[in-house]
Amino acid sequence: MIHVILDNYGSHKHPKVRAWLDRHPRFVFHYTPKSASWLNAVERIFAKLSKRWRTRGVFRSLVDLQAAIERFHAETTDNPKSFVWTADPDKIIAAARRGIKRWILPVMAAVATSGDRGDEIRT
């Protein structure tokens, strides 16, 4: 089996992609949770680039912007640094469980007792 981890972008779930997966059962897609861009390495690169530009970026033309992107790319690839995960996974899981108990379960209970199909949540 080949496991592929993807973000939740819609094209990954397109019917043609699903049909391809049906024809290639060795591949299994797993999706990162929504609102979890910190799990996606390319999002971290974009965040670093955006932060740098917010503090030091002035671009008078498209050519200036392109040059800045190329410099950033060169700096990043010429001197790569490994990402070291420092967060405690047990704390992350505990926080997620607290969120589920506090937010998700009450909403599900409200939908279940509202008598509707869940199209609308009444509080």
PDB file of N, CA and C in Angstrom:
ATOM      1  N   MET A   1       0.831  -1.194   0.000  1.00  0.00           N
ATOM      2  CA  MET A   1       0.000   0.000   0.000  1.00  0.00           C
ATOM      3  C   MET A   1       0.871   1.252   0.000  1.00  0.00           C
ATOM      4  N   ILE A   2       0.402   2.247  -0.689  1.00  0.00           N
ATOM      5  CA  ILE A   2       1.056   3.552  -0.684  1.00  0.00           C
ATOM      6  C   ILE A   2       0.073   4.547  -0.073  1.00  0.00           C
ATOM      7  N   HIS A   3       0.461   5.111   1.053  1.00  0.00           N
ATOM      8  CA  HIS A   3      -0.395   6.065   1.756  1.00  0.00           C
ATOM      9  C   HIS A   3       0.039   7.477   1.389  1.00  0.00           C
ATOM     10  N   VAL A   4      -0.921   8.276   0.955  1.00  0.00           N
ATOM     11  CA  VAL A   4      -0.664   9.646   0.521  1.00  0.00           C
ATOM     12  C   VAL A   4      -1.426  10.579   1.453  1.00  0.00           C
ATOM     13  N   ILE A   5      -0.721  11.544   2.025  1.00  0.00           N
ATOM     14  CA  ILE A   5      -1.353  12.511   2.928  1.00  0.00           C
ATOM     15  C   ILE A   5      -1.541  13.810   2.157  1.00  0.00           C
ATOM     16  N   LEU A   6      -2.785  14.286   2.128  1.00  0.00           N
ATOM     17  CA  LEU A   6      -3.142  15.484   1.370  1.00  0.00           C
ATOM     18  C   LEU A   6      -3.919  16.453   2.250  1.00  0.00           C
ATOM     19  N   ASP A   7      -3.951  17.708   1.842  1.00  0.00           N
ATOM     20  CA  ASP A   7      -4.834  18.644   2.520  1.00  0.00           C
ATOM     21  C   ASP A   7      -6.248  18.435   1.976  1.00  0.00           C
ATOM     22  N   ASN A   8      -7.184  19.196   2.468  1.00  0.00           N
ATOM     23  CA  ASN A   8      -8.592  18.993   2.122  1.00  0.00           C
ATOM     24  C   ASN A   8      -9.024  19.747   0.869  1.00  0.00           C
ATOM     25  N   TYR A   9      -8.088  20.121   0.023  1.00  0.00           N
ATOM     26  CA  TYR A   9      -8.432  20.847  -1.194  1.00  0.00           C
ATOM     27  C   TYR A   9      -9.396  20.014  -2.042  1.00  0.00           C
ATOM     28  N   GLY A  10     -10.397  20.639  -2.580  1.00  0.00           N
ATOM     29  CA  GLY A  10     -11.477  19.947  -3.278  1.00  0.00           C
ATOM     30  C   GLY A  10     -11.048  19.070  -4.440  1.00  0.00           C
ATOM     31  N   SER A  11      -9.996  19.471  -5.152  1.00  0.00           N
ATOM     32  CA  SER A  11      -9.578  18.685  -6.320  1.00  0.00           C
ATOM     33  C   SER A  11      -9.111  17.293  -5.929  1.00  0.00           C
ATOM     34  N   HIS A  12      -8.659  17.123  -4.707  1.00  0.00           N
ATOM     35  CA  HIS A  12      -8.217  15.803  -4.260  1.00  0.00           C
ATOM     36  C   HIS A  12      -9.394  14.836  -4.109  1.00  0.00           C
ATOM     37  N   LYS A  13     -10.595  15.387  -4.066  1.00  0.00           N
ATOM     38  CA  LYS A  13     -11.786  14.562  -3.872  1.00  0.00           C
ATOM     39  C   LYS A  13     -12.670  14.536  -5.120  1.00  0.00           C
ATOM     40  N   HIS A  14     -12.165  15.062  -6.208  1.00  0.00           N
ATOM     41  CA  HIS A  14     -12.912  15.138  -7.459  1.00  0.00           C
ATOM     42  C   HIS A  14     -13.297  13.727  -7.927  1.00  0.00           C
ATOM     43  N   PRO A  15     -14.450  13.578  -8.573  1.00  0.00           N
ATOM     44  CA  PRO A  15     -14.865  12.253  -9.055  1.00  0.00           C
ATOM     45  C   PRO A  15     -13.819  11.552  -9.929  1.00  0.00           C
ATOM     46  N   LYS A  16     -13.067  12.306 -10.743  1.00  0.00           N
ATOM     47  CA  LYS A  16     -12.031  11.672 -11.570  1.00  0.00           C
ATOM     48  C   LYS A  16     -10.899  11.124 -10.706  1.00  0.00           C
ATOM     49  N   VAL A  17     -10.569  11.844  -9.638  1.00  0.00           N
ATOM     50  CA  VAL A  17      -9.534  11.353  -8.722  1.00  0.00           C
ATOM     51  C   VAL A  17     -10.041  10.105  -8.016  1.00  0.00           C
ATOM     52  N   ARG A  18     -11.288  10.142  -7.569  1.00  0.00           N
ATOM     53  CA  ARG A  18     -11.892   8.968  -6.914  1.00  0.00           C
ATOM     54  C   ARG A  18     -11.907   7.762  -7.860  1.00  0.00           C
ATOM     55  N   ALA A  19     -12.235   7.997  -9.108  1.00  0.00           N
ATOM     56  CA  ALA A  19     -12.257   6.904 -10.093  1.00  0.00           C
ATOM     57  C   ALA A  19     -10.848   6.337 -10.279  1.00  0.00           C
ATOM     58  N   TRP A  20      -9.843   7.210 -10.328  1.00  0.00           N
ATOM     59  CA  TRP A  20      -8.462   6.742 -10.450  1.00  0.00           C
ATOM     60  C   TRP A  20      -8.088   5.890  -9.249  1.00  0.00           C
ATOM     61  N   LEU A  21      -8.467   6.352  -8.052  1.00  0.00           N
ATOM     62  CA  LEU A  21      -8.165   5.580  -6.841  1.00  0.00           C
ATOM     63  C   LEU A  21      -8.841   4.214  -6.867  1.00  0.00           C
ATOM     64  N   ASP A  22     -10.061   4.165  -7.395  1.00  0.00           N
ATOM     65  CA  ASP A  22     -10.760   2.879  -7.504  1.00  0.00           C
ATOM     66  C   ASP A  22      -9.991   1.913  -8.410  1.00  0.00           C
ATOM     67  N   ARG A  23      -9.357   2.445  -9.449  1.00  0.00           N
ATOM     68  CA  ARG A  23      -8.593   1.604 -10.384  1.00  0.00           C
ATOM     69  C   ARG A  23      -7.200   1.263  -9.858  1.00  0.00           C
ATOM     70  N   HIS A  24      -6.743   1.980  -8.835  1.00  0.00           N
ATOM     71  CA  HIS A  24      -5.392   1.780  -8.273  1.00  0.00           C
ATOM     72  C   HIS A  24      -5.498   1.584  -6.757  1.00  0.00           C
ATOM     73  N   PRO A  25      -5.943   0.417  -6.323  1.00  0.00           N
ATOM     74  CA  PRO A  25      -6.206   0.200  -4.893  1.00  0.00           C
ATOM     75  C   PRO A  25      -4.958   0.223  -4.006  1.00  0.00           C
ATOM     76  N   ARG A  26      -3.765   0.225  -4.597  1.00  0.00           N
ATOM     77  CA  ARG A  26      -2.546   0.323  -3.773  1.00  0.00           C
ATOM     78  C   ARG A  26      -2.420   1.688  -3.104  1.00  0.00           C
ATOM     79  N   PHE A  27      -3.080   2.693  -3.688  1.00  0.00           N
ATOM     80  CA  PHE A  27      -2.985   4.051  -3.167  1.00  0.00           C
ATOM     81  C   PHE A  27      -4.151   4.340  -2.221  1.00  0.00           C
ATOM     82  N   VAL A  28      -3.822   4.889  -1.066  1.00  0.00           N
ATOM     83  CA  VAL A  28      -4.841   5.269  -0.086  1.00  0.00           C
ATOM     84  C   VAL A  28      -4.594   6.723   0.272  1.00  0.00           C
ATOM     85  N   PHE A  29      -5.616   7.551   0.113  1.00  0.00           N
ATOM     86  CA  PHE A  29      -5.491   8.960   0.449  1.00  0.00           C
ATOM     87  C   PHE A  29      -5.965   9.194   1.882  1.00  0.00           C
ATOM     88  N   HIS A  30      -5.208   9.992   2.598  1.00  0.00           N
ATOM     89  CA  HIS A  30      -5.577  10.447   3.942  1.00  0.00           C
ATOM     90  C   HIS A  30      -5.566  11.970   3.896  1.00  0.00           C
ATOM     91  N   TYR A  31      -6.546  12.588   4.510  1.00  0.00           N
ATOM     92  CA  TYR A  31      -6.668  14.045   4.455  1.00  0.00           C
ATOM     93  C   TYR A  31      -6.370  14.665   5.811  1.00  0.00           C
ATOM     94  N   THR A  32      -5.620  15.769   5.794  1.00  0.00           N
ATOM     95  CA  THR A  32      -5.388  16.489   7.043  1.00  0.00           C
ATOM     96  C   THR A  32      -6.691  17.163   7.453  1.00  0.00           C
ATOM     97  N   PRO A  33      -6.863  17.407   8.738  1.00  0.00           N
ATOM     98  CA  PRO A  33      -8.095  18.073   9.188  1.00  0.00           C
ATOM     99  C   PRO A  33      -8.200  19.478   8.613  1.00  0.00           C
ATOM    100  N   LYS A  34      -9.429  19.930   8.430  1.00  0.00           N
ATOM    101  CA  LYS A  34      -9.628  21.319   8.005  1.00  0.00           C
ATOM    102  C   LYS A  34      -9.107  22.235   9.104  1.00  0.00           C
ATOM    103  N   SER A  35      -8.670  23.399   8.718  1.00  0.00           N
ATOM    104  CA  SER A  35      -8.101  24.391   9.643  1.00  0.00           C
ATOM    105  C   SER A  35      -6.857  23.860  10.332  1.00  0.00           C
ATOM    106  N   ALA A  36      -6.092  23.040   9.651  1.00  0.00           N
ATOM    107  CA  ALA A  36      -4.846  22.517  10.217  1.00  0.00           C
ATOM    108  C   ALA A  36      -3.701  22.780   9.251  1.00  0.00           C
ATOM    109  N   SER A  37      -3.614  24.031   8.782  1.00  0.00           N
ATOM    110  CA  SER A  37      -2.575  24.357   7.801  1.00  0.00           C
ATOM    111  C   SER A  37      -1.180  24.151   8.372  1.00  0.00           C
ATOM    112  N   TRP A  38      -1.056  24.182   9.691  1.00  0.00           N
ATOM    113  CA  TRP A  38       0.251  23.987  10.310  1.00  0.00           C
ATOM    114  C   TRP A  38       0.787  22.574  10.074  1.00  0.00           C
ATOM    115  N   LEU A  39      -0.066  21.653   9.638  1.00  0.00           N
ATOM    116  CA  LEU A  39       0.394  20.304   9.321  1.00  0.00           C
ATOM    117  C   LEU A  39       0.971  20.201   7.915  1.00  0.00           C
ATOM    118  N   ASN A  40       0.712  21.209   7.099  1.00  0.00           N
ATOM    119  CA  ASN A  40       1.119  21.183   5.703  1.00  0.00           C
ATOM    120  C   ASN A  40       2.425  21.968   5.557  1.00  0.00           C
ATOM    121  N   ALA A  41       3.497  21.285   5.157  1.00  0.00           N
ATOM    122  CA  ALA A  41       4.822  21.914   5.090  1.00  0.00           C
ATOM    123  C   ALA A  41       4.849  23.138   4.176  1.00  0.00           C
ATOM    124  N   VAL A  42       4.165  23.073   3.041  1.00  0.00           N
ATOM    125  CA  VAL A  42       4.200  24.213   2.122  1.00  0.00           C
ATOM    126  C   VAL A  42       3.502  25.424   2.744  1.00  0.00           C
ATOM    127  N   GLU A  43       2.500  25.204   3.579  1.00  0.00           N
ATOM    128  CA  GLU A  43       1.840  26.319   4.263  1.00  0.00           C
ATOM    129  C   GLU A  43       2.816  27.006   5.216  1.00  0.00           C
ATOM    130  N   ARG A  44       3.700  26.237   5.817  1.00  0.00           N
ATOM    131  CA  ARG A  44       4.707  26.815   6.711  1.00  0.00           C
ATOM    132  C   ARG A  44       5.664  27.705   5.918  1.00  0.00           C
ATOM    133  N   ILE A  45       6.017  27.265   4.713  1.00  0.00           N
ATOM    134  CA  ILE A  45       6.900  28.076   3.864  1.00  0.00           C
ATOM    135  C   ILE A  45       6.210  29.376   3.482  1.00  0.00           C
ATOM    136  N   PHE A  46       4.937  29.292   3.076  1.00  0.00           N
ATOM    137  CA  PHE A  46       4.188  30.502   2.718  1.00  0.00           C
ATOM    138  C   PHE A  46       4.051  31.435   3.918  1.00  0.00           C
ATOM    139  N   ALA A  47       3.856  30.871   5.106  1.00  0.00           N
ATOM    140  CA  ALA A  47       3.734  31.696   6.313  1.00  0.00           C
ATOM    141  C   ALA A  47       5.048  32.438   6.588  1.00  0.00           C
ATOM    142  N   LYS A  48       6.163  31.741   6.433  1.00  0.00           N
ATOM    143  CA  LYS A  48       7.475  32.363   6.644  1.00  0.00           C
ATOM    144  C   LYS A  48       7.708  33.481   5.626  1.00  0.00           C
ATOM    145  N   LEU A  49       7.369  33.216   4.391  1.00  0.00           N
ATOM    146  CA  LEU A  49       7.513  34.209   3.338  1.00  0.00           C
ATOM    147  C   LEU A  49       6.627  35.425   3.606  1.00  0.00           C
ATOM    148  N   SER A  50       5.383  35.194   3.982  1.00  0.00           N
ATOM    149  CA  SER A  50       4.446  36.295   4.270  1.00  0.00           C
ATOM    150  C   SER A  50       4.914  37.126   5.450  1.00  0.00           C
ATOM    151  N   LYS A  51       5.407  36.460   6.496  1.00  0.00           N
ATOM    152  CA  LYS A  51       5.872  37.188   7.678  1.00  0.00           C
ATOM    153  C   LYS A  51       7.045  38.095   7.322  1.00  0.00           C
ATOM    154  N   ARG A  52       7.957  37.575   6.527  1.00  0.00           N
ATOM    155  CA  ARG A  52       9.111  38.381   6.112  1.00  0.00           C
ATOM    156  C   ARG A  52       8.651  39.609   5.329  1.00  0.00           C
ATOM    157  N   TRP A  53       7.703  39.434   4.428  1.00  0.00           N
ATOM    158  CA  TRP A  53       7.250  40.548   3.605  1.00  0.00           C
ATOM    159  C   TRP A  53       6.473  41.577   4.403  1.00  0.00           C
ATOM    160  N   ARG A  54       5.743  41.142   5.419  1.00  0.00           N
ATOM    161  CA  ARG A  54       4.992  42.104   6.237  1.00  0.00           C
ATOM    162  C   ARG A  54       5.935  43.033   6.971  1.00  0.00           C
ATOM    163  N   THR A  55       7.104  42.527   7.335  1.00  0.00           N
ATOM    164  CA  THR A  55       8.030  43.358   8.101  1.00  0.00           C
ATOM    165  C   THR A  55       9.024  44.112   7.224  1.00  0.00           C
ATOM    166  N   ARG A  56       9.376  43.562   6.041  1.00  0.00           N
ATOM    167  CA  ARG A  56      10.421  44.184   5.233  1.00  0.00           C
ATOM    168  C   ARG A  56      10.063  44.360   3.770  1.00  0.00           C
ATOM    169  N   GLY A  57       8.853  44.069   3.376  1.00  0.00           N
ATOM    170  CA  GLY A  57       8.552  44.032   1.952  1.00  0.00           C
ATOM    171  C   GLY A  57       7.975  45.309   1.386  1.00  0.00           C
ATOM    172  N   VAL A  58       8.658  45.861   0.409  1.00  0.00           N
ATOM    173  CA  VAL A  58       8.139  46.966  -0.381  1.00  0.00           C
ATOM    174  C   VAL A  58       8.461  46.622  -1.831  1.00  0.00           C
ATOM    175  N   PHE A  59       7.423  46.509  -2.642  1.00  0.00           N
ATOM    176  CA  PHE A  59       7.623  46.109  -4.026  1.00  0.00           C
ATOM    177  C   PHE A  59       6.988  47.156  -4.923  1.00  0.00           C
ATOM    178  N   ARG A  60       7.800  47.772  -5.739  1.00  0.00           N
ATOM    179  CA  ARG A  60       7.316  48.837  -6.608  1.00  0.00           C
ATOM    180  C   ARG A  60       6.842  48.320  -7.959  1.00  0.00           C
ATOM    181  N   SER A  61       7.097  47.026  -8.211  1.00  0.00           N
ATOM    182  CA  SER A  61       6.674  46.453  -9.484  1.00  0.00           C
ATOM    183  C   SER A  61       6.575  44.936  -9.337  1.00  0.00           C
ATOM    184  N   LEU A  62       5.975  44.327 -10.327  1.00  0.00           N
ATOM    185  CA  LEU A  62       5.881  42.876 -10.360  1.00  0.00           C
ATOM    186  C   LEU A  62       7.269  42.249 -10.459  1.00  0.00           C
ATOM    187  N   VAL A  63       8.158  42.899 -11.174  1.00  0.00           N
ATOM    188  CA  VAL A  63       9.536  42.405 -11.312  1.00  0.00           C
ATOM    189  C   VAL A  63      10.215  42.383  -9.942  1.00  0.00           C
ATOM    190  N   ASP A  64      10.001  43.439  -9.120  1.00  0.00           N
ATOM    191  CA  ASP A  64      10.564  43.470  -7.760  1.00  0.00           C
ATOM    192  C   ASP A  64      10.020  42.309  -6.919  1.00  0.00           C
ATOM    193  N   LEU A  65       8.733  42.067  -7.024  1.00  0.00           N
ATOM    194  CA  LEU A  65       8.113  40.974  -6.273  1.00  0.00           C
ATOM    195  C   LEU A  65       8.683  39.625  -6.709  1.00  0.00           C
ATOM    196  N   GLN A  66       8.788  39.415  -8.011  1.00  0.00           N
ATOM    197  CA  GLN A  66       9.344  38.154  -8.519  1.00  0.00           C
ATOM    198  C   GLN A  66      10.786  37.960  -8.052  1.00  0.00           C
ATOM    199  N   ALA A  67      11.567  39.018  -8.057  1.00  0.00           N
ATOM    200  CA  ALA A  67      12.961  38.928  -7.606  1.00  0.00           C
ATOM    201  C   ALA A  67      13.024  38.553  -6.132  1.00  0.00           C
ATOM    202  N   ALA A  68      12.120  39.123  -5.326  1.00  0.00           N
ATOM    203  CA  ALA A  68      12.090  38.800  -3.897  1.00  0.00           C
ATOM    204  C   ALA A  68      11.726  37.334  -3.672  1.00  0.00           C
ATOM    205  N   ILE A  69      10.772  36.829  -4.442  1.00  0.00           N
ATOM    206  CA  ILE A  69      10.388  35.420  -4.328  1.00  0.00           C
ATOM    207  C   ILE A  69      11.567  34.531  -4.710  1.00  0.00           C
ATOM    208  N   GLU A  70      12.252  34.879  -5.774  1.00  0.00           N
ATOM    209  CA  GLU A  70      13.415  34.089  -6.208  1.00  0.00           C
ATOM    210  C   GLU A  70      14.535  34.116  -5.174  1.00  0.00           C
ATOM    211  N   ARG A  71      14.770  35.273  -4.537  1.00  0.00           N
ATOM    212  CA  ARG A  71      15.787  35.360  -3.476  1.00  0.00           C
ATOM    213  C   ARG A  71      15.403  34.475  -2.294  1.00  0.00           C
ATOM    214  N   PHE A  72      14.139  34.559  -1.899  1.00  0.00           N
ATOM    215  CA  PHE A  72      13.660  33.742  -0.784  1.00  0.00           C
ATOM    216  C   PHE A  72      13.837  32.259  -1.106  1.00  0.00           C
ATOM    217  N   HIS A  73      13.473  31.862  -2.308  1.00  0.00           N
ATOM    218  CA  HIS A  73      13.603  30.464  -2.723  1.00  0.00           C
ATOM    219  C   HIS A  73      15.070  30.025  -2.682  1.00  0.00           C
ATOM    220  N   ALA A  74      15.948  30.863  -3.194  1.00  0.00           N
ATOM    221  CA  ALA A  74      17.376  30.525  -3.201  1.00  0.00           C
ATOM    222  C   ALA A  74      17.907  30.386  -1.774  1.00  0.00           C
ATOM    223  N   GLU A  75      17.553  31.337  -0.899  1.00  0.00           N
ATOM    224  CA  GLU A  75      18.004  31.274   0.497  1.00  0.00           C
ATOM    225  C   GLU A  75      17.497  30.010   1.181  1.00  0.00           C
ATOM    226  N   THR A  76      16.256  29.681   0.916  1.00  0.00           N
ATOM    227  CA  THR A  76      15.626  28.537   1.580  1.00  0.00           C
ATOM    228  C   THR A  76      16.212  27.219   1.092  1.00  0.00           C
ATOM    229  N   THR A  77      16.452  27.107  -0.199  1.00  0.00           N
ATOM    230  CA  THR A  77      16.957  25.838  -0.737  1.00  0.00           C
ATOM    231  C   THR A  77      18.466  25.705  -0.615  1.00  0.00           C
ATOM    232  N   ASP A  78      19.191  26.819  -0.583  1.00  0.00           N
ATOM    233  CA  ASP A  78      20.644  26.754  -0.440  1.00  0.00           C
ATOM    234  C   ASP A  78      21.064  26.416   0.988  1.00  0.00           C
ATOM    235  N   ASN A  79      20.232  26.757   1.947  1.00  0.00           N
ATOM    236  CA  ASN A  79      20.560  26.522   3.351  1.00  0.00           C
ATOM    237  C   ASN A  79      19.355  25.884   4.055  1.00  0.00           C
ATOM    238  N   PRO A  80      18.999  24.662   3.673  1.00  0.00           N
ATOM    239  CA  PRO A  80      17.790  24.049   4.258  1.00  0.00           C
ATOM    240  C   PRO A  80      17.998  23.701   5.726  1.00  0.00           C
ATOM    241  N   LYS A  81      16.905  23.769   6.466  1.00  0.00           N
ATOM    242  CA  LYS A  81      16.921  23.406   7.883  1.00  0.00           C
ATOM    243  C   LYS A  81      15.806  22.400   8.132  1.00  0.00           C
ATOM    244  N   SER A  82      16.130  21.371   8.848  1.00  0.00           N
ATOM    245  CA  SER A  82      15.121  20.358   9.181  1.00  0.00           C
ATOM    246  C   SER A  82      14.125  20.941  10.169  1.00  0.00           C
ATOM    247  N   PHE A  83      12.885  20.535   9.996  1.00  0.00           N
ATOM    248  CA  PHE A  83      11.860  20.944  10.952  1.00  0.00           C
ATOM    249  C   PHE A  83      11.880  19.960  12.109  1.00  0.00           C
ATOM    250  N   VAL A  84      11.984  20.475  13.304  1.00  0.00           N
ATOM    251  CA  VAL A  84      11.971  19.635  14.494  1.00  0.00           C
ATOM    252  C   VAL A  84      10.680  19.925  15.250  1.00  0.00           C
ATOM    253  N   TRP A  85       9.849  18.896  15.369  1.00  0.00           N
ATOM    254  CA  TRP A  85       8.571  19.048  16.041  1.00  0.00           C
ATOM    255  C   TRP A  85       8.814  19.106  17.545  1.00  0.00           C
ATOM    256  N   THR A  86       8.361  20.194  18.186  1.00  0.00           N
ATOM    257  CA  THR A  86       8.589  20.344  19.618  1.00  0.00           C
ATOM    258  C   THR A  86       7.312  20.234  20.434  1.00  0.00           C
ATOM    259  N   ALA A  87       6.170  20.233  19.777  1.00  0.00           N
ATOM    260  CA  ALA A  87       4.911  20.151  20.501  1.00  0.00           C
ATOM    261  C   ALA A  87       4.719  18.745  21.062  1.00  0.00           C
ATOM    262  N   ASP A  88       4.124  18.675  22.233  1.00  0.00           N
ATOM    263  CA  ASP A  88       3.833  17.390  22.863  1.00  0.00           C
ATOM    264  C   ASP A  88       2.541  16.839  22.265  1.00  0.00           C
ATOM    265  N   PRO A  89       2.598  15.709  21.556  1.00  0.00           N
ATOM    266  CA  PRO A  89       1.386  15.185  20.911  1.00  0.00           C
ATOM    267  C   PRO A  89       0.268  14.875  21.902  1.00  0.00           C
ATOM    268  N   ASP A  90       0.610  14.476  23.115  1.00  0.00           N
ATOM    269  CA  ASP A  90      -0.429  14.199  24.111  1.00  0.00           C
ATOM    270  C   ASP A  90      -1.207  15.469  24.466  1.00  0.00           C
ATOM    271  N   LYS A  91      -0.503  16.611  24.516  1.00  0.00           N
ATOM    272  CA  LYS A  91      -1.177  17.877  24.808  1.00  0.00           C
ATOM    273  C   LYS A  91      -2.078  18.298  23.644  1.00  0.00           C
ATOM    274  N   ILE A  92      -1.630  18.062  22.422  1.00  0.00           N
ATOM    275  CA  ILE A  92      -2.444  18.394  21.251  1.00  0.00           C
ATOM    276  C   ILE A  92      -3.713  17.549  21.240  1.00  0.00           C
ATOM    277  N   ILE A  93      -3.581  16.259  21.488  1.00  0.00           N
ATOM    278  CA  ILE A  93      -4.741  15.364  21.496  1.00  0.00           C
ATOM    279  C   ILE A  93      -5.691  15.735  22.630  1.00  0.00           C
ATOM    280  N   ALA A  94      -5.146  16.063  23.792  1.00  0.00           N
ATOM    281  CA  ALA A  94      -5.994  16.467  24.922  1.00  0.00           C
ATOM    282  C   ALA A  94      -6.768  17.743  24.594  1.00  0.00           C
ATOM    283  N   ALA A  95      -6.111  18.703  23.953  1.00  0.00           N
ATOM    284  CA  ALA A  95      -6.793  19.947  23.575  1.00  0.00           C
ATOM    285  C   ALA A  95      -7.890  19.674  22.557  1.00  0.00           C
ATOM    286  N   ALA A  96      -7.625  18.794  21.601  1.00  0.00           N
ATOM    287  CA  ALA A  96      -8.644  18.448  20.606  1.00  0.00           C
ATOM    288  C   ALA A  96      -9.841  17.791  21.278  1.00  0.00           C
ATOM    289  N   ARG A  97      -9.584  16.909  22.227  1.00  0.00           N
ATOM    290  CA  ARG A  97     -10.694  16.259  22.941  1.00  0.00           C
ATOM    291  C   ARG A  97     -11.509  17.266  23.748  1.00  0.00           C
ATOM    292  N   ARG A  98     -10.822  18.231  24.378  1.00  0.00           N
ATOM    293  CA  ARG A  98     -11.556  19.270  25.114  1.00  0.00           C
ATOM    294  C   ARG A  98     -12.448  20.064  24.166  1.00  0.00           C
ATOM    295  N   GLY A  99     -11.925  20.375  22.980  1.00  0.00           N
ATOM    296  CA  GLY A  99     -12.715  21.106  21.994  1.00  0.00           C
ATOM    297  C   GLY A  99     -13.935  20.320  21.544  1.00  0.00           C
ATOM    298  N   ILE A 100     -13.752  19.032  21.337  1.00  0.00           N
ATOM    299  CA  ILE A 100     -14.886  18.188  20.937  1.00  0.00           C
ATOM    300  C   ILE A 100     -15.950  18.190  22.021  1.00  0.00           C
ATOM    301  N   LYS A 101     -15.537  18.030  23.262  1.00  0.00           N
ATOM    302  CA  LYS A 101     -16.505  17.995  24.369  1.00  0.00           C
ATOM    303  C   LYS A 101     -17.207  19.342  24.527  1.00  0.00           C
ATOM    304  N   ARG A 102     -16.455  20.411  24.365  1.00  0.00           N
ATOM    305  CA  ARG A 102     -17.014  21.738  24.610  1.00  0.00           C
ATOM    306  C   ARG A 102     -17.873  22.244  23.458  1.00  0.00           C
ATOM    307  N   TRP A 103     -17.473  21.967  22.202  1.00  0.00           N
ATOM    308  CA  TRP A 103     -18.132  22.573  21.059  1.00  0.00           C
ATOM    309  C   TRP A 103     -18.905  21.589  20.192  1.00  0.00           C
ATOM    310  N   ILE A 104     -18.306  20.494  19.828  1.00  0.00           N
ATOM    311  CA  ILE A 104     -18.925  19.589  18.859  1.00  0.00           C
ATOM    312  C   ILE A 104     -20.086  18.813  19.470  1.00  0.00           C
ATOM    313  N   LEU A 105     -19.875  18.194  20.618  1.00  0.00           N
ATOM    314  CA  LEU A 105     -20.937  17.373  21.210  1.00  0.00           C
ATOM    315  C   LEU A 105     -22.202  18.178  21.534  1.00  0.00           C
ATOM    316  N   PRO A 106     -22.092  19.393  22.095  1.00  0.00           N
ATOM    317  CA  PRO A 106     -23.323  20.172  22.326  1.00  0.00           C
ATOM    318  C   PRO A 106     -24.062  20.512  21.029  1.00  0.00           C
ATOM    319  N   VAL A 107     -23.338  20.806  19.965  1.00  0.00           N
ATOM    320  CA  VAL A 107     -23.986  21.103  18.684  1.00  0.00           C
ATOM    321  C   VAL A 107     -24.700  19.863  18.165  1.00  0.00           C
ATOM    322  N   MET A 108     -24.039  18.721  18.257  1.00  0.00           N
ATOM    323  CA  MET A 108     -24.668  17.472  17.807  1.00  0.00           C
ATOM    324  C   MET A 108     -25.921  17.172  18.623  1.00  0.00           C
ATOM    325  N   ALA A 109     -25.859  17.430  19.922  1.00  0.00           N
ATOM    326  CA  ALA A 109     -27.029  17.200  20.773  1.00  0.00           C
ATOM    327  C   ALA A 109     -28.161  18.147  20.398  1.00  0.00           C
ATOM    328  N   ALA A 110     -27.826  19.408  20.094  1.00  0.00           N
ATOM    329  CA  ALA A 110     -28.844  20.378  19.697  1.00  0.00           C
ATOM    330  C   ALA A 110     -29.522  19.954  18.402  1.00  0.00           C
ATOM    331  N   VAL A 111     -28.750  19.458  17.463  1.00  0.00           N
ATOM    332  CA  VAL A 111     -29.315  19.006  16.196  1.00  0.00           C
ATOM    333  C   VAL A 111     -30.203  17.793  16.432  1.00  0.00           C
ATOM    334  N   ALA A 112     -29.733  16.866  17.265  1.00  0.00           N
ATOM    335  CA  ALA A 112     -30.490  15.630  17.515  1.00  0.00           C
ATOM    336  C   ALA A 112     -31.825  15.907  18.187  1.00  0.00           C
ATOM    337  N   THR A 113     -31.888  16.923  19.037  1.00  0.00           N
ATOM    338  CA  THR A 113     -33.132  17.207  19.761  1.00  0.00           C
ATOM    339  C   THR A 113     -34.004  18.253  19.084  1.00  0.00           C
ATOM    340  N   SER A 114     -33.500  18.854  17.996  1.00  0.00           N
ATOM    341  CA  SER A 114     -34.264  19.928  17.362  1.00  0.00           C
ATOM    342  C   SER A 114     -35.394  19.405  16.489  1.00  0.00           C
ATOM    343  N   GLY A 115     -35.322  18.142  16.104  1.00  0.00           N
ATOM    344  CA  GLY A 115     -36.397  17.565  15.296  1.00  0.00           C
ATOM    345  C   GLY A 115     -36.257  17.830  13.818  1.00  0.00           C
ATOM    346  N   ASP A 116     -35.211  18.546  13.403  1.00  0.00           N
ATOM    347  CA  ASP A 116     -35.044  18.772  11.967  1.00  0.00           C
ATOM    348  C   ASP A 116     -33.976  17.831  11.419  1.00  0.00           C
ATOM    349  N   ARG A 117     -33.647  18.006  10.158  1.00  0.00           N
ATOM    350  CA  ARG A 117     -32.677  17.127   9.505  1.00  0.00           C
ATOM    351  C   ARG A 117     -31.243  17.574   9.760  1.00  0.00           C
ATOM    352  N   GLY A 118     -31.046  18.608  10.538  1.00  0.00           N
ATOM    353  CA  GLY A 118     -29.705  19.096  10.781  1.00  0.00           C
ATOM    354  C   GLY A 118     -29.286  20.181   9.826  1.00  0.00           C
ATOM    355  N   ASP A 119     -30.212  20.637   8.956  1.00  0.00           N
ATOM    356  CA  ASP A 119     -29.876  21.704   8.026  1.00  0.00           C
ATOM    357  C   ASP A 119     -29.648  23.021   8.754  1.00  0.00           C
ATOM    358  N   GLU A 120     -30.256  23.133   9.904  1.00  0.00           N
ATOM    359  CA  GLU A 120     -30.198  24.372  10.654  1.00  0.00           C
ATOM    360  C   GLU A 120     -30.037  24.034  12.122  1.00  0.00           C
ATOM    361  N   ILE A 121     -29.199  24.762  12.801  1.00  0.00           N
ATOM    362  CA  ILE A 121     -28.995  24.525  14.234  1.00  0.00           C
ATOM    363  C   ILE A 121     -29.666  25.648  14.989  1.00  0.00           C
ATOM    364  N   ARG A 122     -30.521  25.278  15.893  1.00  0.00           N
ATOM    365  CA  ARG A 122     -31.203  26.279  16.726  1.00  0.00           C
ATOM    366  C   ARG A 122     -30.630  26.228  18.116  1.00  0.00           C
ATOM    367  N   THR A 123     -30.292  27.397  18.642  1.00  0.00           N
ATOM    368  CA  THR A 123     -29.756  27.428  20.014  1.00  0.00           C
ATOM    369  C   THR A 123     -30.677  28.228  20.900  1.00  0.00           C
TER     370      THR A 123
END
